[in-house]
Full PDB file with SEQRES, HELIX, SHEET, SSBOND, CRYST1, ORIGX, SCALE, CONECT and MASTER records, all heavy atoms in Angstrom:
SEQRES   1 A   32  ASP ARG PRO SER GLY LEU PHE THR LEU LEU PHE LYS ARG          
SEQRES   2 A   32  LEU PRO ALA GLY TRP ARG ILE VAL HIS ASP HIS THR ARG          
SEQRES   3 A   32  ALA GLU ARG PRO VAL LEU                                      
SHEET    1 AA1 2 GLY A   5  LEU A  14  0                                        
SHEET    2 AA1 2 GLY A  17  ALA A  27 -1                                        
CRYST1    1.000    1.000    1.000  90.00  90.00  90.00 P 1           1          
ORIGX1      1.000000  0.000000  0.000000        0.00000                         
ORIGX2      0.000000  1.000000  0.000000        0.00000                         
ORIGX3      0.000000  0.000000  1.000000        0.00000                         
SCALE1      1.000000  0.000000  0.000000        0.00000                         
SCALE2      0.000000  1.000000  0.000000        0.00000                         
SCALE3      0.000000  0.000000  1.000000        0.00000                         
ATOM      1  N   ASP A   1       0.854  -1.213   0.014  1.00  0.00           N  
ATOM      2  CA  ASP A   1       0.021   0.011  -0.049  1.00  0.00           C  
ATOM      3  C   ASP A   1       0.879   1.235  -0.010  1.00  0.00           C  
ATOM      4  O   ASP A   1       2.086   1.212   0.081  1.00  0.00           O  
ATOM      5  CB  ASP A   1      -0.889   0.025   1.185  1.00  0.00           C  
ATOM      6  CG  ASP A   1      -0.227  -0.023   2.551  1.00  0.00           C  
ATOM      7  OD1 ASP A   1       1.048  -0.050   2.560  1.00  0.00           O  
ATOM      8  OD2 ASP A   1      -0.935  -0.067   3.509  1.00  0.00           O  
ATOM      9  N   ARG A   2       0.214   2.432  -0.123  1.00  0.00           N  
ATOM     10  CA  ARG A   2       0.795   3.676  -0.072  1.00  0.00           C  
ATOM     11  C   ARG A   2       0.017   4.669   0.739  1.00  0.00           C  
ATOM     12  O   ARG A   2      -0.598   5.609   0.235  1.00  0.00           O  
ATOM     13  CB  ARG A   2       1.005   4.237  -1.518  1.00  0.00           C  
ATOM     14  CG  ARG A   2       2.049   3.519  -2.315  1.00  0.00           C  
ATOM     15  CD  ARG A   2       2.508   4.336  -3.516  1.00  0.00           C  
ATOM     16  NE  ARG A   2       3.683   3.776  -4.010  1.00  0.00           N  
ATOM     17  CZ  ARG A   2       3.897   3.477  -5.297  1.00  0.00           C  
ATOM     18  NH1 ARG A   2       2.927   3.876  -6.210  1.00  0.00           N  
ATOM     19  NH2 ARG A   2       4.943   2.966  -5.706  1.00  0.00           N  
ATOM     20  N   PRO A   3       0.146   4.541   2.053  1.00  0.00           N  
ATOM     21  CA  PRO A   3      -0.584   5.556   2.861  1.00  0.00           C  
ATOM     22  C   PRO A   3       0.007   6.960   2.744  1.00  0.00           C  
ATOM     23  O   PRO A   3       1.207   7.127   2.563  1.00  0.00           O  
ATOM     24  CB  PRO A   3      -0.376   5.024   4.294  1.00  0.00           C  
ATOM     25  CG  PRO A   3       0.399   3.839   4.248  1.00  0.00           C  
ATOM     26  CD  PRO A   3       0.863   3.614   2.877  1.00  0.00           C  
ATOM     27  N   SER A   4      -0.814   8.017   2.780  1.00  0.00           N  
ATOM     28  CA  SER A   4      -0.383   9.373   2.697  1.00  0.00           C  
ATOM     29  C   SER A   4      -1.332  10.195   3.449  1.00  0.00           C  
ATOM     30  O   SER A   4      -2.451   9.816   3.840  1.00  0.00           O  
ATOM     31  CB  SER A   4      -0.295   9.816   1.209  1.00  0.00           C  
ATOM     32  OG  SER A   4      -1.647   9.750   0.662  1.00  0.00           O  
ATOM     33  N   GLY A   5      -0.931  11.449   3.621  1.00  0.00           N  
ATOM     34  CA  GLY A   5      -1.857  12.409   4.351  1.00  0.00           C  
ATOM     35  C   GLY A   5      -1.086  13.661   4.714  1.00  0.00           C  
ATOM     36  O   GLY A   5      -0.020  13.953   4.227  1.00  0.00           O  
ATOM     37  N   LEU A   6      -1.625  14.318   5.664  1.00  0.00           N  
ATOM     38  CA  LEU A   6      -1.236  15.622   6.160  1.00  0.00           C  
ATOM     39  C   LEU A   6      -0.690  15.526   7.613  1.00  0.00           C  
ATOM     40  O   LEU A   6      -1.157  14.642   8.343  1.00  0.00           O  
ATOM     41  CB  LEU A   6      -2.263  16.742   6.098  1.00  0.00           C  
ATOM     42  CG  LEU A   6      -2.916  16.958   4.803  1.00  0.00           C  
ATOM     43  CD1 LEU A   6      -4.142  17.902   4.932  1.00  0.00           C  
ATOM     44  CD2 LEU A   6      -1.935  17.453   3.786  1.00  0.00           C  
ATOM     45  N   PHE A   7       0.250  16.382   7.943  1.00  0.00           N  
ATOM     46  CA  PHE A   7       0.758  16.333   9.346  1.00  0.00           C  
ATOM     47  C   PHE A   7       1.034  17.805   9.787  1.00  0.00           C  
ATOM     48  O   PHE A   7       1.248  18.692   9.020  1.00  0.00           O  
ATOM     49  CB  PHE A   7       2.033  15.530   9.477  1.00  0.00           C  
ATOM     50  CG  PHE A   7       3.264  16.126   8.715  1.00  0.00           C  
ATOM     51  CD1 PHE A   7       4.106  17.048   9.347  1.00  0.00           C  
ATOM     52  CD2 PHE A   7       3.534  15.698   7.444  1.00  0.00           C  
ATOM     53  CE1 PHE A   7       5.156  17.621   8.699  1.00  0.00           C  
ATOM     54  CE2 PHE A   7       4.606  16.198   6.716  1.00  0.00           C  
ATOM     55  CZ  PHE A   7       5.352  17.179   7.355  1.00  0.00           C  
ATOM     56  N   THR A   8       0.971  17.954  11.115  1.00  0.00           N  
ATOM     57  CA  THR A   8       1.329  19.175  11.769  1.00  0.00           C  
ATOM     58  C   THR A   8       2.138  18.873  12.938  1.00  0.00           C  
ATOM     59  O   THR A   8       1.759  18.028  13.793  1.00  0.00           O  
ATOM     60  CB  THR A   8       0.080  19.972  12.289  1.00  0.00           C  
ATOM     61  OG1 THR A   8      -0.766  20.285  11.104  1.00  0.00           O  
ATOM     62  CG2 THR A   8       0.502  21.283  13.003  1.00  0.00           C  
ATOM     63  N   LEU A   9       3.347  19.436  13.080  1.00  0.00           N  
ATOM     64  CA  LEU A   9       4.241  19.136  14.186  1.00  0.00           C  
ATOM     65  C   LEU A   9       4.582  20.386  14.977  1.00  0.00           C  
ATOM     66  O   LEU A   9       4.790  21.395  14.342  1.00  0.00           O  
ATOM     67  CB  LEU A   9       5.620  18.568  13.624  1.00  0.00           C  
ATOM     68  CG  LEU A   9       5.550  17.312  12.760  1.00  0.00           C  
ATOM     69  CD1 LEU A   9       6.917  17.028  12.238  1.00  0.00           C  
ATOM     70  CD2 LEU A   9       4.873  16.154  13.512  1.00  0.00           C  
ATOM     71  N   LEU A  10       4.572  20.306  16.221  1.00  0.00           N  
ATOM     72  CA  LEU A  10       5.005  21.410  17.086  1.00  0.00           C  
ATOM     73  C   LEU A  10       6.384  21.020  17.591  1.00  0.00           C  
ATOM     74  O   LEU A  10       6.538  20.054  18.366  1.00  0.00           O  
ATOM     75  CB  LEU A  10       3.996  21.678  18.277  1.00  0.00           C  
ATOM     76  CG  LEU A  10       4.377  22.749  19.300  1.00  0.00           C  
ATOM     77  CD1 LEU A  10       4.522  24.099  18.510  1.00  0.00           C  
ATOM     78  CD2 LEU A  10       3.364  22.837  20.371  1.00  0.00           C  
ATOM     79  N   PHE A  11       7.346  21.919  17.269  1.00  0.00           N  
ATOM     80  CA  PHE A  11       8.731  21.716  17.752  1.00  0.00           C  
ATOM     81  C   PHE A  11       8.986  22.702  18.898  1.00  0.00           C  
ATOM     82  O   PHE A  11       8.465  23.769  18.927  1.00  0.00           O  
ATOM     83  CB  PHE A  11       9.741  22.014  16.641  1.00  0.00           C  
ATOM     84  CG  PHE A  11       9.903  20.920  15.711  1.00  0.00           C  
ATOM     85  CD1 PHE A  11       9.070  20.697  14.689  1.00  0.00           C  
ATOM     86  CD2 PHE A  11      11.079  20.049  15.799  1.00  0.00           C  
ATOM     87  CE1 PHE A  11       9.216  19.678  13.743  1.00  0.00           C  
ATOM     88  CE2 PHE A  11      11.162  19.060  14.838  1.00  0.00           C  
ATOM     89  CZ  PHE A  11      10.356  18.853  13.864  1.00  0.00           C  
ATOM     90  N   LYS A  12       9.812  22.249  19.906  1.00  0.00           N  
ATOM     91  CA  LYS A  12      10.219  23.058  20.964  1.00  0.00           C  
ATOM     92  C   LYS A  12      11.812  22.926  21.142  1.00  0.00           C  
ATOM     93  O   LYS A  12      12.279  21.778  21.001  1.00  0.00           O  
ATOM     94  CB  LYS A  12       9.558  22.658  22.261  1.00  0.00           C  
ATOM     95  CG  LYS A  12       9.893  23.546  23.481  1.00  0.00           C  
ATOM     96  CD  LYS A  12       9.105  23.052  24.657  1.00  0.00           C  
ATOM     97  CE  LYS A  12       9.429  23.949  25.825  1.00  0.00           C  
ATOM     98  NZ  LYS A  12       8.653  23.640  27.028  1.00  0.00           N  
ATOM     99  N   ARG A  13      12.458  24.050  21.325  1.00  0.00           N  
ATOM    100  CA  ARG A  13      13.853  23.892  21.561  1.00  0.00           C  
ATOM    101  C   ARG A  13      14.141  23.563  23.010  1.00  0.00           C  
ATOM    102  O   ARG A  13      13.754  24.354  23.911  1.00  0.00           O  
ATOM    103  CB  ARG A  13      14.571  25.270  21.207  1.00  0.00           C  
ATOM    104  CG  ARG A  13      16.087  25.086  21.290  1.00  0.00           C  
ATOM    105  CD  ARG A  13      16.831  26.443  21.249  1.00  0.00           C  
ATOM    106  NE  ARG A  13      16.309  27.422  20.376  1.00  0.00           N  
ATOM    107  CZ  ARG A  13      16.825  27.892  19.265  1.00  0.00           C  
ATOM    108  NH1 ARG A  13      18.046  27.516  18.893  1.00  0.00           N  
ATOM    109  NH2 ARG A  13      16.330  28.873  18.536  1.00  0.00           N  
ATOM    110  N   LEU A  14      14.817  22.524  23.274  1.00  0.00           N  
ATOM    111  CA  LEU A  14      15.068  22.051  24.662  1.00  0.00           C  
ATOM    112  C   LEU A  14      16.643  22.072  24.806  1.00  0.00           C  
ATOM    113  O   LEU A  14      17.347  22.307  23.742  1.00  0.00           O  
ATOM    114  CB  LEU A  14      14.565  20.651  24.892  1.00  0.00           C  
ATOM    115  CG  LEU A  14      13.036  20.481  24.703  1.00  0.00           C  
ATOM    116  CD1 LEU A  14      12.684  19.029  24.779  1.00  0.00           C  
ATOM    117  CD2 LEU A  14      12.374  21.311  25.777  1.00  0.00           C  
ATOM    118  N   PRO A  15      17.204  21.925  25.963  1.00  0.00           N  
ATOM    119  CA  PRO A  15      18.628  21.935  26.137  1.00  0.00           C  
ATOM    120  C   PRO A  15      19.299  20.884  25.198  1.00  0.00           C  
ATOM    121  O   PRO A  15      20.426  21.166  24.774  1.00  0.00           O  
ATOM    122  CB  PRO A  15      18.796  21.512  27.538  1.00  0.00           C  
ATOM    123  CG  PRO A  15      17.618  22.089  28.283  1.00  0.00           C  
ATOM    124  CD  PRO A  15      16.465  21.825  27.278  1.00  0.00           C  
ATOM    125  N   ALA A  16      18.733  19.778  24.898  1.00  0.00           N  
ATOM    126  CA  ALA A  16      19.249  18.764  24.062  1.00  0.00           C  
ATOM    127  C   ALA A  16      19.108  19.090  22.529  1.00  0.00           C  
ATOM    128  O   ALA A  16      19.583  18.319  21.767  1.00  0.00           O  
ATOM    129  CB  ALA A  16      18.654  17.360  24.371  1.00  0.00           C  
ATOM    130  N   GLY A  17      18.330  20.166  22.191  1.00  0.00           N  
ATOM    131  CA  GLY A  17      18.091  20.551  20.807  1.00  0.00           C  
ATOM    132  C   GLY A  17      16.634  20.580  20.502  1.00  0.00           C  
ATOM    133  O   GLY A  17      15.837  20.448  21.426  1.00  0.00           O  
ATOM    134  N   TRP A  18      16.295  20.692  19.284  1.00  0.00           N  
ATOM    135  CA  TRP A  18      14.908  20.886  18.773  1.00  0.00           C  
ATOM    136  C   TRP A  18      14.260  19.424  18.888  1.00  0.00           C  
ATOM    137  O   TRP A  18      14.803  18.435  18.437  1.00  0.00           O  
ATOM    138  CB  TRP A  18      14.840  21.383  17.399  1.00  0.00           C  
ATOM    139  CG  TRP A  18      15.077  22.812  17.324  1.00  0.00           C  
ATOM    140  CD1 TRP A  18      16.274  23.400  16.989  1.00  0.00           C  
ATOM    141  CD2 TRP A  18      14.099  23.873  17.500  1.00  0.00           C  
ATOM    142  NE1 TRP A  18      16.119  24.772  17.048  1.00  0.00           N  
ATOM    143  CE2 TRP A  18      14.852  25.088  17.280  1.00  0.00           C  
ATOM    144  CE3 TRP A  18      12.816  23.935  17.845  1.00  0.00           C  
ATOM    145  CZ2 TRP A  18      14.225  26.356  17.397  1.00  0.00           C  
ATOM    146  CZ3 TRP A  18      12.227  25.151  17.889  1.00  0.00           C  
ATOM    147  CH2 TRP A  18      12.872  26.351  17.701  1.00  0.00           C  
ATOM    148  N   ARG A  19      13.078  19.407  19.490  1.00  0.00           N  
ATOM    149  CA  ARG A  19      12.290  18.154  19.637  1.00  0.00           C  
ATOM    150  C   ARG A  19      10.838  18.330  19.248  1.00  0.00           C  
ATOM    151  O   ARG A  19      10.340  19.374  19.523  1.00  0.00           O  
ATOM    152  CB  ARG A  19      12.369  17.645  21.120  1.00  0.00           C  
ATOM    153  CG  ARG A  19      13.769  17.330  21.583  1.00  0.00           C  
ATOM    154  CD  ARG A  19      14.405  16.190  20.850  1.00  0.00           C  
ATOM    155  NE  ARG A  19      15.675  15.738  21.408  1.00  0.00           N  
ATOM    156  CZ  ARG A  19      16.839  16.091  20.982  1.00  0.00           C  
ATOM    157  NH1 ARG A  19      16.931  16.907  19.921  1.00  0.00           N  
ATOM    158  NH2 ARG A  19      17.900  15.645  21.546  1.00  0.00           N  
ATOM    159  N   ILE A  20      10.193  17.315  18.760  1.00  0.00           N  
ATOM    160  CA  ILE A  20       8.861  17.386  18.507  1.00  0.00           C  
ATOM    161  C   ILE A  20       8.091  17.089  19.769  1.00  0.00           C  
ATOM    162  O   ILE A  20       8.373  16.098  20.377  1.00  0.00           O  
ATOM    163  CB  ILE A  20       8.444  16.239  17.454  1.00  0.00           C  
ATOM    164  CG1 ILE A  20       9.086  16.494  16.109  1.00  0.00           C  
ATOM    165  CG2 ILE A  20       6.905  16.160  17.243  1.00  0.00           C  
ATOM    166  CD1 ILE A  20       9.001  15.345  15.114  1.00  0.00           C  
ATOM    167  N   VAL A  21       7.195  17.999  20.145  1.00  0.00           N  
ATOM    168  CA  VAL A  21       6.455  17.843  21.386  1.00  0.00           C  
ATOM    169  C   VAL A  21       4.993  17.583  21.126  1.00  0.00           C  
ATOM    170  O   VAL A  21       4.191  17.220  22.051  1.00  0.00           O  
ATOM    171  CB  VAL A  21       6.601  19.120  22.300  1.00  0.00           C  
ATOM    172  CG1 VAL A  21       8.083  19.195  22.750  1.00  0.00           C  
ATOM    173  CG2 VAL A  21       6.141  20.315  21.713  1.00  0.00           C  
ATOM    174  N   HIS A  22       4.593  17.685  19.789  1.00  0.00           N  
ATOM    175  CA  HIS A  22       3.236  17.374  19.518  1.00  0.00           C  
ATOM    176  C   HIS A  22       3.225  17.025  17.977  1.00  0.00           C  
ATOM    177  O   HIS A  22       3.763  17.706  17.211  1.00  0.00           O  
ATOM    178  CB  HIS A  22       2.251  18.547  19.748  1.00  0.00           C  
ATOM    179  CG  HIS A  22       0.849  18.225  19.421  1.00  0.00           C  
ATOM    180  ND1 HIS A  22       0.023  17.537  20.249  1.00  0.00           N  
ATOM    181  CD2 HIS A  22       0.112  18.538  18.241  1.00  0.00           C  
ATOM    182  CE1 HIS A  22      -1.199  17.452  19.713  1.00  0.00           C  
ATOM    183  NE2 HIS A  22      -1.144  17.978  18.472  1.00  0.00           N  
ATOM    184  N   ASP A  23       2.479  15.905  17.646  1.00  0.00           N  
ATOM    185  CA  ASP A  23       2.336  15.535  16.284  1.00  0.00           C  
ATOM    186  C   ASP A  23       0.831  15.153  16.071  1.00  0.00           C  
ATOM    187  O   ASP A  23       0.282  14.340  16.662  1.00  0.00           O  
ATOM    188  CB  ASP A  23       3.136  14.203  16.188  1.00  0.00           C  
ATOM    189  CG  ASP A  23       3.058  13.566  14.771  1.00  0.00           C  
ATOM    190  OD1 ASP A  23       2.223  14.014  13.945  1.00  0.00           O  
ATOM    191  OD2 ASP A  23       3.791  12.528  14.548  1.00  0.00           O  
ATOM    192  N   HIS A  24       0.331  15.830  15.021  1.00  0.00           N  
ATOM    193  CA  HIS A  24      -1.014  15.437  14.563  1.00  0.00           C  
ATOM    194  C   HIS A  24      -0.927  15.060  13.135  1.00  0.00           C  
ATOM    195  O   HIS A  24      -0.517  15.843  12.255  1.00  0.00           O  
ATOM    196  CB  HIS A  24      -1.992  16.702  14.723  1.00  0.00           C  
ATOM    197  CG  HIS A  24      -3.372  16.347  14.221  1.00  0.00           C  
ATOM    198  ND1 HIS A  24      -3.803  16.695  12.975  1.00  0.00           N  
ATOM    199  CD2 HIS A  24      -4.321  15.670  14.784  1.00  0.00           C  
ATOM    200  CE1 HIS A  24      -5.007  16.273  12.794  1.00  0.00           C  
ATOM    201  NE2 HIS A  24      -5.340  15.666  13.895  1.00  0.00           N  
ATOM    202  N   THR A  25      -1.199  13.781  12.825  1.00  0.00           N  
ATOM    203  CA  THR A  25      -1.099  13.247  11.517  1.00  0.00           C  
ATOM    204  C   THR A  25      -2.481  12.732  11.128  1.00  0.00           C  
ATOM    205  O   THR A  25      -3.061  11.996  11.853  1.00  0.00           O  
ATOM    206  CB  THR A  25      -0.023  12.139  11.476  1.00  0.00           C  
ATOM    207  OG1 THR A  25       1.221  12.712  11.872  1.00  0.00           O  
ATOM    208  CG2 THR A  25       0.052  11.572  10.032  1.00  0.00           C  
ATOM    209  N   ARG A  26      -2.858  13.070   9.962  1.00  0.00           N  
ATOM    210  CA  ARG A  26      -4.145  12.648   9.357  1.00  0.00           C  
ATOM    211  C   ARG A  26      -3.881  11.929   8.119  1.00  0.00           C  
ATOM    212  O   ARG A  26      -3.498  12.450   7.084  1.00  0.00           O  
ATOM    213  CB  ARG A  26      -5.075  13.816   9.112  1.00  0.00           C  
ATOM    214  CG  ARG A  26      -6.502  13.481   8.625  1.00  0.00           C  
ATOM    215  CD  ARG A  26      -7.343  14.641   8.389  1.00  0.00           C  
ATOM    216  NE  ARG A  26      -6.694  15.576   7.418  1.00  0.00           N  
ATOM    217  CZ  ARG A  26      -7.202  15.777   6.244  1.00  0.00           C  
ATOM    218  NH1 ARG A  26      -8.195  15.126   5.781  1.00  0.00           N  
ATOM    219  NH2 ARG A  26      -6.583  16.514   5.390  1.00  0.00           N  
ATOM    220  N   ALA A  27      -4.132  10.592   8.136  1.00  0.00           N  
ATOM    221  CA  ALA A  27      -3.978   9.788   6.949  1.00  0.00           C  
ATOM    222  C   ALA A  27      -5.199   9.814   6.069  1.00  0.00           C  
ATOM    223  O   ALA A  27      -6.314   9.839   6.530  1.00  0.00           O  
ATOM    224  CB  ALA A  27      -3.653   8.341   7.317  1.00  0.00           C  
ATOM    225  N   GLU A  28      -4.870   9.868   4.796  1.00  0.00           N  
ATOM    226  CA  GLU A  28      -5.955   9.713   3.774  1.00  0.00           C  
ATOM    227  C   GLU A  28      -6.230   8.264   3.533  1.00  0.00           C  
ATOM    228  O   GLU A  28      -5.416   7.402   4.045  1.00  0.00           O  
ATOM    229  CB  GLU A  28      -5.567  10.433   2.461  1.00  0.00           C  
ATOM    230  CG  GLU A  28      -5.270  11.889   2.639  1.00  0.00           C  
ATOM    231  CD  GLU A  28      -4.568  12.554   1.446  1.00  0.00           C  
ATOM    232  OE1 GLU A  28      -3.973  11.847   0.686  1.00  0.00           O  
ATOM    233  OE2 GLU A  28      -4.724  13.775   1.430  1.00  0.00           O  
ATOM    234  N   ARG A  29      -7.173   7.872   2.831  1.00  0.00           N  
ATOM    235  CA  ARG A  29      -7.398   6.441   2.508  1.00  0.00           C  
ATOM    236  C   ARG A  29      -6.245   5.896   1.743  1.00  0.00           C  
ATOM    237  O   ARG A  29      -5.783   6.403   0.771  1.00  0.00           O  
ATOM    238  CB  ARG A  29      -8.763   6.371   1.592  1.00  0.00           C  
ATOM    239  CG  ARG A  29      -8.953   4.893   1.243  1.00  0.00           C  
ATOM    240  CD  ARG A  29     -10.266   4.817   0.479  1.00  0.00           C  
ATOM    241  NE  ARG A  29     -11.316   4.963   1.502  1.00  0.00           N  
ATOM    242  CZ  ARG A  29     -12.548   5.369   1.138  1.00  0.00           C  
ATOM    243  NH1 ARG A  29     -12.872   5.625  -0.010  1.00  0.00           N  
ATOM    244  NH2 ARG A  29     -13.495   5.416   2.117  1.00  0.00           N  
ATOM    245  N   PRO A  30      -5.634   4.797   2.196  1.00  0.00           N  
ATOM    246  CA  PRO A  30      -4.449   4.268   1.597  1.00  0.00           C  
ATOM    247  C   PRO A  30      -4.810   3.716   0.240  1.00  0.00           C  
ATOM    248  O   PRO A  30      -5.898   3.168  -0.010  1.00  0.00           O  
ATOM    249  CB  PRO A  30      -3.961   3.079   2.540  1.00  0.00           C  
ATOM    250  CG  PRO A  30      -5.196   2.759   3.447  1.00  0.00           C  
ATOM    251  CD  PRO A  30      -6.037   4.034   3.402  1.00  0.00           C  
ATOM    252  N   VAL A  31      -3.850   3.821  -0.641  1.00  0.00           N  
ATOM    253  CA  VAL A  31      -3.819   3.217  -2.015  1.00  0.00           C  
ATOM    254  C   VAL A  31      -3.338   1.762  -1.960  1.00  0.00           C  
ATOM    255  O   VAL A  31      -2.116   1.601  -1.592  1.00  0.00           O  
ATOM    256  CB  VAL A  31      -3.069   4.010  -3.038  1.00  0.00           C  
ATOM    257  CG1 VAL A  31      -3.099   3.403  -4.416  1.00  0.00           C  
ATOM    258  CG2 VAL A  31      -3.602   5.500  -3.034  1.00  0.00           C  
ATOM    259  N   LEU A  32      -4.163   0.804  -2.213  1.00  0.00           N  
ATOM    260  CA  LEU A  32      -3.762  -0.604  -2.075  1.00  0.00           C  
ATOM    261  C   LEU A  32      -3.215  -1.025  -3.451  1.00  0.00           C  
ATOM    262  O   LEU A  32      -3.806  -0.610  -4.491  1.00  0.00           O  
ATOM    263  CB  LEU A  32      -4.968  -1.476  -1.695  1.00  0.00           C  
ATOM    264  CG  LEU A  32      -5.654  -1.280  -0.384  1.00  0.00           C  
ATOM    265  CD1 LEU A  32      -6.807  -2.191  -0.131  1.00  0.00           C  
ATOM    266  CD2 LEU A  32      -4.571  -1.389   0.740  1.00  0.00           C  
TER     267      LEU A  32                                                      
MASTER        0    0    0    0    2    0    0    6  266    1    0    3          
END                                                                             
């Protein structure tokens, strides 16, 4: 299959570097 879709990521700079602190991903109907 070939799943695809949209994403929104919230990054925050922490002492260890930039990290994703929130991920919202919306998949569309996969192509089989």
